[in-house]
Amino acid sequence: MMGLSVLLIASTKVGQIHIGGQPVPVNYRYIVNAYNVEDDIPKVCHKLWMELRNFWMCQVWSFGLFKQFCREGTEKGTLEWEFETGLACNTGMLEAAWWEATKNKYGRIGCEKK
């Protein structure tokens, strides 16, 4: 695809609880945004969820205010993928799921912790 401009942003946030006043990590929240996605975003999202399921350690859950989703953003061509999972689901697994679902067509994921 000539002239395709894709920006991909991925980040990992560590959720924690406090025990005895000390923070204890309990989960990761992955946030992925891809811009200028020209394909059918619901189909891409379906592939992403299916590939992530190949890693049993990447079971996805939702707590209260935060719900997992993969959808088209408010701007056309923007893919937003967010979910929470256990600490055993590492960035390599997320990167592998992204690769298998997209072949890095929209950019390569390079997760950064926030």
N, C-alpha and C. Protein backbone atom coordinates (compact mmCIF):
# COMPACT_ATOMS: atom_id res chain seq x y z
N MET A 1 0.83 -1.17 0.00
CA MET A 1 0.00 0.00 0.00
C MET A 1 0.88 1.24 0.00
N MET A 2 0.90 1.95 -1.07
CA MET A 2 1.70 3.16 -1.17
C MET A 2 1.06 4.28 -0.38
N GLY A 3 1.89 5.03 0.29
CA GLY A 3 1.41 6.22 0.98
C GLY A 3 0.65 5.95 2.27
N LEU A 4 0.63 4.73 2.73
CA LEU A 4 -0.09 4.42 3.96
C LEU A 4 0.71 4.92 5.14
N SER A 5 0.10 5.76 5.92
CA SER A 5 0.75 6.30 7.11
C SER A 5 0.07 5.70 8.33
N VAL A 6 0.81 4.93 9.08
CA VAL A 6 0.24 4.26 10.25
C VAL A 6 1.05 4.65 11.48
N LEU A 7 0.35 5.04 12.50
CA LEU A 7 0.97 5.30 13.78
C LEU A 7 0.37 4.31 14.76
N LEU A 8 1.22 3.61 15.46
CA LEU A 8 0.76 2.60 16.42
C LEU A 8 1.32 2.96 17.79
N ILE A 9 0.43 3.05 18.75
CA ILE A 9 0.84 3.33 20.12
C ILE A 9 0.35 2.19 21.00
N ALA A 10 1.25 1.61 21.77
CA ALA A 10 0.88 0.54 22.69
C ALA A 10 1.50 0.84 24.04
N SER A 11 0.74 0.64 25.08
CA SER A 11 1.30 0.85 26.42
C SER A 11 0.74 -0.18 27.38
N THR A 12 1.46 -0.38 28.45
CA THR A 12 1.09 -1.31 29.50
C THR A 12 1.01 -0.54 30.81
N LYS A 13 -0.09 -0.69 31.50
CA LYS A 13 -0.21 -0.09 32.82
C LYS A 13 -0.34 -1.21 33.83
N VAL A 14 0.34 -1.08 34.95
CA VAL A 14 0.28 -2.10 35.99
C VAL A 14 -0.75 -1.69 37.03
N GLY A 15 -1.75 -2.56 37.23
CA GLY A 15 -2.73 -2.33 38.28
C GLY A 15 -2.19 -2.86 39.59
N GLN A 16 -2.57 -2.24 40.68
CA GLN A 16 -2.06 -2.69 41.96
C GLN A 16 -3.07 -2.48 43.07
N ILE A 17 -2.90 -3.25 44.12
CA ILE A 17 -3.65 -3.05 45.35
C ILE A 17 -2.62 -2.75 46.44
N HIS A 18 -3.08 -2.29 47.56
CA HIS A 18 -2.17 -1.99 48.67
C HIS A 18 -2.43 -2.95 49.82
N ILE A 19 -1.39 -3.61 50.25
CA ILE A 19 -1.46 -4.52 51.39
C ILE A 19 -0.43 -4.04 52.40
N GLY A 20 -0.89 -3.71 53.58
CA GLY A 20 0.02 -3.20 54.60
C GLY A 20 0.68 -1.90 54.17
N GLY A 21 -0.02 -1.11 53.36
CA GLY A 21 0.52 0.15 52.90
C GLY A 21 1.49 0.04 51.73
N GLN A 22 1.76 -1.19 51.27
CA GLN A 22 2.70 -1.41 50.17
C GLN A 22 1.95 -1.77 48.90
N PRO A 23 2.32 -1.18 47.75
CA PRO A 23 1.65 -1.54 46.49
C PRO A 23 2.05 -2.94 46.04
N VAL A 24 1.06 -3.71 45.63
CA VAL A 24 1.29 -5.07 45.13
C VAL A 24 0.68 -5.15 43.73
N PRO A 25 1.50 -5.41 42.69
CA PRO A 25 0.94 -5.49 41.34
C PRO A 25 0.03 -6.70 41.19
N VAL A 26 -1.10 -6.52 40.51
CA VAL A 26 -2.06 -7.61 40.35
C VAL A 26 -2.46 -7.85 38.89
N ASN A 27 -2.27 -6.87 38.01
CA ASN A 27 -2.69 -7.08 36.63
C ASN A 27 -2.00 -6.07 35.71
N TYR A 28 -2.11 -6.36 34.42
CA TYR A 28 -1.68 -5.42 33.39
C TYR A 28 -2.91 -4.90 32.67
N ARG A 29 -2.87 -3.66 32.27
CA ARG A 29 -3.86 -3.10 31.35
C ARG A 29 -3.10 -2.75 30.08
N TYR A 30 -3.47 -3.40 29.00
CA TYR A 30 -2.85 -3.12 27.71
C TYR A 30 -3.72 -2.15 26.94
N ILE A 31 -3.09 -1.16 26.34
CA ILE A 31 -3.78 -0.14 25.55
C ILE A 31 -3.07 -0.04 24.21
N VAL A 32 -3.79 -0.32 23.13
CA VAL A 32 -3.22 -0.28 21.79
C VAL A 32 -4.08 0.63 20.93
N ASN A 33 -3.45 1.57 20.25
CA ASN A 33 -4.14 2.45 19.31
C ASN A 33 -3.40 2.42 17.98
N ALA A 34 -4.10 2.12 16.92
CA ALA A 34 -3.53 2.14 15.57
C ALA A 34 -4.33 3.13 14.74
N TYR A 35 -3.63 3.94 13.98
CA TYR A 35 -4.27 5.00 13.20
C TYR A 35 -4.13 4.72 11.71
N ASN A 36 -5.08 5.20 10.93
CA ASN A 36 -5.12 5.03 9.48
C ASN A 36 -5.26 3.56 9.08
N VAL A 37 -6.06 2.83 9.84
CA VAL A 37 -6.35 1.43 9.52
C VAL A 37 -7.42 1.43 8.43
N GLU A 38 -7.08 0.89 7.27
CA GLU A 38 -8.00 0.94 6.13
C GLU A 38 -8.88 -0.30 6.02
N ASP A 39 -8.62 -1.32 6.82
CA ASP A 39 -9.40 -2.55 6.76
C ASP A 39 -10.64 -2.45 7.66
N ASP A 40 -11.49 -3.47 7.57
CA ASP A 40 -12.70 -3.54 8.39
C ASP A 40 -12.29 -3.77 9.85
N ILE A 41 -12.42 -2.75 10.68
CA ILE A 41 -11.92 -2.80 12.05
C ILE A 41 -12.59 -3.90 12.88
N PRO A 42 -13.91 -4.12 12.80
CA PRO A 42 -14.49 -5.23 13.56
C PRO A 42 -13.86 -6.59 13.21
N LYS A 43 -13.52 -6.80 11.95
CA LYS A 43 -12.86 -8.06 11.56
C LYS A 43 -11.45 -8.14 12.13
N VAL A 44 -10.74 -7.03 12.10
CA VAL A 44 -9.40 -7.00 12.68
C VAL A 44 -9.49 -7.27 14.18
N CYS A 45 -10.45 -6.66 14.85
CA CYS A 45 -10.64 -6.88 16.28
C CYS A 45 -10.93 -8.35 16.58
N HIS A 46 -11.77 -8.96 15.79
CA HIS A 46 -12.08 -10.38 15.99
C HIS A 46 -10.80 -11.21 15.89
N LYS A 47 -9.98 -10.93 14.90
CA LYS A 47 -8.72 -11.66 14.76
C LYS A 47 -7.81 -11.44 15.97
N LEU A 48 -7.76 -10.21 16.46
CA LEU A 48 -6.92 -9.92 17.62
C LEU A 48 -7.36 -10.73 18.84
N TRP A 49 -8.67 -10.74 19.12
CA TRP A 49 -9.16 -11.52 20.27
C TRP A 49 -8.87 -13.01 20.09
N MET A 50 -9.07 -13.53 18.87
CA MET A 50 -8.84 -14.95 18.63
C MET A 50 -7.37 -15.31 18.81
N GLU A 51 -6.47 -14.47 18.34
CA GLU A 51 -5.04 -14.75 18.50
C GLU A 51 -4.61 -14.63 19.96
N LEU A 52 -5.16 -13.67 20.68
CA LEU A 52 -4.81 -13.52 22.09
C LEU A 52 -5.25 -14.75 22.89
N ARG A 53 -6.35 -15.36 22.49
CA ARG A 53 -6.86 -16.56 23.18
C ARG A 53 -5.89 -17.73 23.08
N ASN A 54 -4.96 -17.70 22.14
CA ASN A 54 -3.97 -18.78 22.02
C ASN A 54 -3.03 -18.83 23.22
N PHE A 55 -3.00 -17.77 23.99
CA PHE A 55 -2.16 -17.71 25.18
C PHE A 55 -3.07 -17.80 26.41
N TRP A 56 -3.12 -18.98 27.02
CA TRP A 56 -4.05 -19.18 28.12
C TRP A 56 -3.76 -18.24 29.29
N MET A 57 -2.53 -17.74 29.38
CA MET A 57 -2.19 -16.82 30.46
C MET A 57 -2.76 -15.42 30.22
N CYS A 58 -3.31 -15.20 29.04
CA CYS A 58 -3.84 -13.88 28.68
C CYS A 58 -5.36 -13.83 28.78
N GLN A 59 -5.92 -14.52 29.76
CA GLN A 59 -7.36 -14.44 30.00
C GLN A 59 -7.71 -12.98 30.29
N VAL A 60 -8.74 -12.48 29.67
CA VAL A 60 -9.13 -11.08 29.80
C VAL A 60 -10.28 -10.97 30.78
N TRP A 61 -10.25 -9.95 31.62
CA TRP A 61 -11.35 -9.71 32.55
C TRP A 61 -11.66 -8.23 32.64
N SER A 62 -12.77 -7.94 33.30
CA SER A 62 -13.19 -6.55 33.51
C SER A 62 -13.52 -6.35 34.98
N PHE A 63 -13.11 -5.22 35.51
CA PHE A 63 -13.47 -4.83 36.86
C PHE A 63 -14.23 -3.53 36.79
N GLY A 64 -15.35 -3.46 37.46
CA GLY A 64 -16.10 -2.22 37.65
C GLY A 64 -16.12 -1.25 36.49
N LEU A 65 -15.35 -0.19 36.61
CA LEU A 65 -15.41 0.91 35.66
C LEU A 65 -14.73 0.60 34.33
N PHE A 66 -13.75 -0.30 34.33
CA PHE A 66 -12.98 -0.55 33.12
C PHE A 66 -13.51 -1.79 32.40
N LYS A 67 -13.91 -1.64 31.17
CA LYS A 67 -14.38 -2.77 30.35
C LYS A 67 -13.42 -2.96 29.18
N GLN A 68 -13.16 -4.21 28.85
CA GLN A 68 -12.30 -4.47 27.70
C GLN A 68 -13.05 -4.17 26.41
N PHE A 69 -12.32 -3.78 25.39
CA PHE A 69 -12.95 -3.52 24.09
C PHE A 69 -11.91 -3.52 22.99
N CYS A 70 -12.39 -3.72 21.80
CA CYS A 70 -11.65 -3.50 20.56
C CYS A 70 -12.67 -2.92 19.62
N ARG A 71 -12.40 -1.73 19.09
CA ARG A 71 -13.42 -1.02 18.32
C ARG A 71 -12.78 0.05 17.45
N GLU A 72 -13.62 0.60 16.58
CA GLU A 72 -13.19 1.77 15.83
C GLU A 72 -13.35 2.98 16.74
N GLY A 73 -12.35 3.83 16.76
CA GLY A 73 -12.39 5.02 17.60
C GLY A 73 -13.29 6.08 17.01
N THR A 74 -13.31 7.23 17.64
CA THR A 74 -14.16 8.33 17.17
C THR A 74 -13.68 8.87 15.83
N GLU A 75 -12.39 8.74 15.55
CA GLU A 75 -11.87 9.14 14.24
C GLU A 75 -11.88 7.93 13.32
N LYS A 76 -12.37 8.13 12.11
CA LYS A 76 -12.42 7.03 11.14
C LYS A 76 -11.01 6.46 10.92
N GLY A 77 -10.93 5.14 10.90
CA GLY A 77 -9.66 4.48 10.67
C GLY A 77 -8.80 4.31 11.91
N THR A 78 -9.36 4.61 13.07
CA THR A 78 -8.61 4.44 14.32
C THR A 78 -9.09 3.17 15.02
N LEU A 79 -8.16 2.28 15.31
CA LEU A 79 -8.47 1.05 16.04
C LEU A 79 -8.03 1.24 17.48
N GLU A 80 -8.93 0.99 18.42
CA GLU A 80 -8.64 1.08 19.85
C GLU A 80 -8.86 -0.30 20.47
N TRP A 81 -7.83 -0.81 21.14
CA TRP A 81 -7.90 -2.14 21.77
C TRP A 81 -7.37 -2.00 23.19
N GLU A 82 -8.23 -2.26 24.17
CA GLU A 82 -7.83 -2.16 25.57
C GLU A 82 -8.39 -3.34 26.35
N PHE A 83 -7.57 -3.86 27.24
CA PHE A 83 -8.02 -4.96 28.09
C PHE A 83 -7.10 -5.11 29.29
N GLU A 84 -7.61 -5.80 30.30
CA GLU A 84 -6.83 -6.13 31.49
C GLU A 84 -6.65 -7.64 31.54
N THR A 85 -5.49 -8.04 32.04
CA THR A 85 -5.17 -9.45 32.14
C THR A 85 -4.16 -9.65 33.27
N GLY A 86 -3.88 -10.89 33.58
CA GLY A 86 -2.96 -11.18 34.68
C GLY A 86 -1.51 -10.87 34.34
N LEU A 87 -0.68 -10.88 35.35
CA LEU A 87 0.73 -10.55 35.19
C LEU A 87 1.49 -11.57 34.34
N ALA A 88 0.95 -12.78 34.19
CA ALA A 88 1.62 -13.80 33.38
C ALA A 88 1.51 -13.52 31.88
N CYS A 89 0.60 -12.64 31.48
CA CYS A 89 0.44 -12.28 30.07
C CYS A 89 1.44 -11.17 29.76
N ASN A 90 2.56 -11.54 29.17
CA ASN A 90 3.61 -10.56 28.96
C ASN A 90 3.50 -9.87 27.59
N THR A 91 4.31 -8.86 27.40
CA THR A 91 4.24 -8.08 26.16
C THR A 91 4.58 -8.91 24.94
N GLY A 92 5.42 -9.92 25.09
CA GLY A 92 5.74 -10.80 23.97
C GLY A 92 4.51 -11.53 23.45
N MET A 93 3.63 -11.92 24.34
CA MET A 93 2.39 -12.59 23.95
C MET A 93 1.47 -11.63 23.21
N LEU A 94 1.38 -10.41 23.71
CA LEU A 94 0.58 -9.40 23.02
C LEU A 94 1.14 -9.10 21.64
N GLU A 95 2.46 -8.97 21.55
CA GLU A 95 3.10 -8.71 20.26
C GLU A 95 2.88 -9.86 19.29
N ALA A 96 2.93 -11.10 19.80
CA ALA A 96 2.69 -12.27 18.94
C ALA A 96 1.25 -12.30 18.43
N ALA A 97 0.30 -12.00 19.31
CA ALA A 97 -1.11 -11.96 18.90
C ALA A 97 -1.32 -10.89 17.83
N TRP A 98 -0.70 -9.72 18.04
CA TRP A 98 -0.81 -8.63 17.06
C TRP A 98 -0.23 -9.06 15.72
N TRP A 99 0.95 -9.69 15.75
CA TRP A 99 1.60 -10.13 14.51
C TRP A 99 0.71 -11.14 13.78
N GLU A 100 0.23 -12.15 14.48
CA GLU A 100 -0.58 -13.18 13.84
C GLU A 100 -1.87 -12.61 13.26
N ALA A 101 -2.46 -11.64 13.93
CA ALA A 101 -3.72 -11.07 13.46
C ALA A 101 -3.54 -10.05 12.34
N THR A 102 -2.42 -9.32 12.36
CA THR A 102 -2.26 -8.20 11.41
C THR A 102 -1.04 -8.30 10.51
N LYS A 103 -0.11 -9.20 10.83
CA LYS A 103 1.18 -9.27 10.13
C LYS A 103 1.89 -7.91 10.15
N ASN A 104 1.64 -7.14 11.21
CA ASN A 104 2.22 -5.80 11.41
C ASN A 104 1.87 -4.84 10.28
N LYS A 105 0.77 -5.08 9.64
CA LYS A 105 0.32 -4.22 8.53
C LYS A 105 0.10 -2.78 8.98
N TYR A 106 -0.26 -2.59 10.24
CA TYR A 106 -0.55 -1.24 10.76
C TYR A 106 0.59 -0.73 11.63
N GLY A 107 1.68 -1.43 11.62
CA GLY A 107 2.83 -1.08 12.44
C GLY A 107 3.14 -2.19 13.43
N ARG A 108 4.34 -2.13 13.96
CA ARG A 108 4.81 -3.11 14.93
C ARG A 108 4.51 -2.61 16.34
N ILE A 109 4.06 -3.51 17.19
CA ILE A 109 3.83 -3.14 18.58
C ILE A 109 5.17 -3.17 19.31
N GLY A 110 5.43 -2.12 20.01
CA GLY A 110 6.56 -2.05 20.93
C GLY A 110 6.00 -1.50 22.23
N CYS A 111 5.62 -2.37 23.14
CA CYS A 111 4.94 -1.92 24.36
C CYS A 111 5.89 -1.18 25.28
N GLU A 112 5.36 -0.14 25.89
CA GLU A 112 6.10 0.59 26.91
C GLU A 112 5.26 0.60 28.18
N LYS A 113 5.93 0.49 29.31
CA LYS A 113 5.20 0.48 30.58
C LYS A 113 5.01 1.90 31.06
N LYS A 114 3.81 2.15 31.57
CA LYS A 114 3.48 3.48 32.11
C LYS A 114 3.04 3.35 33.54
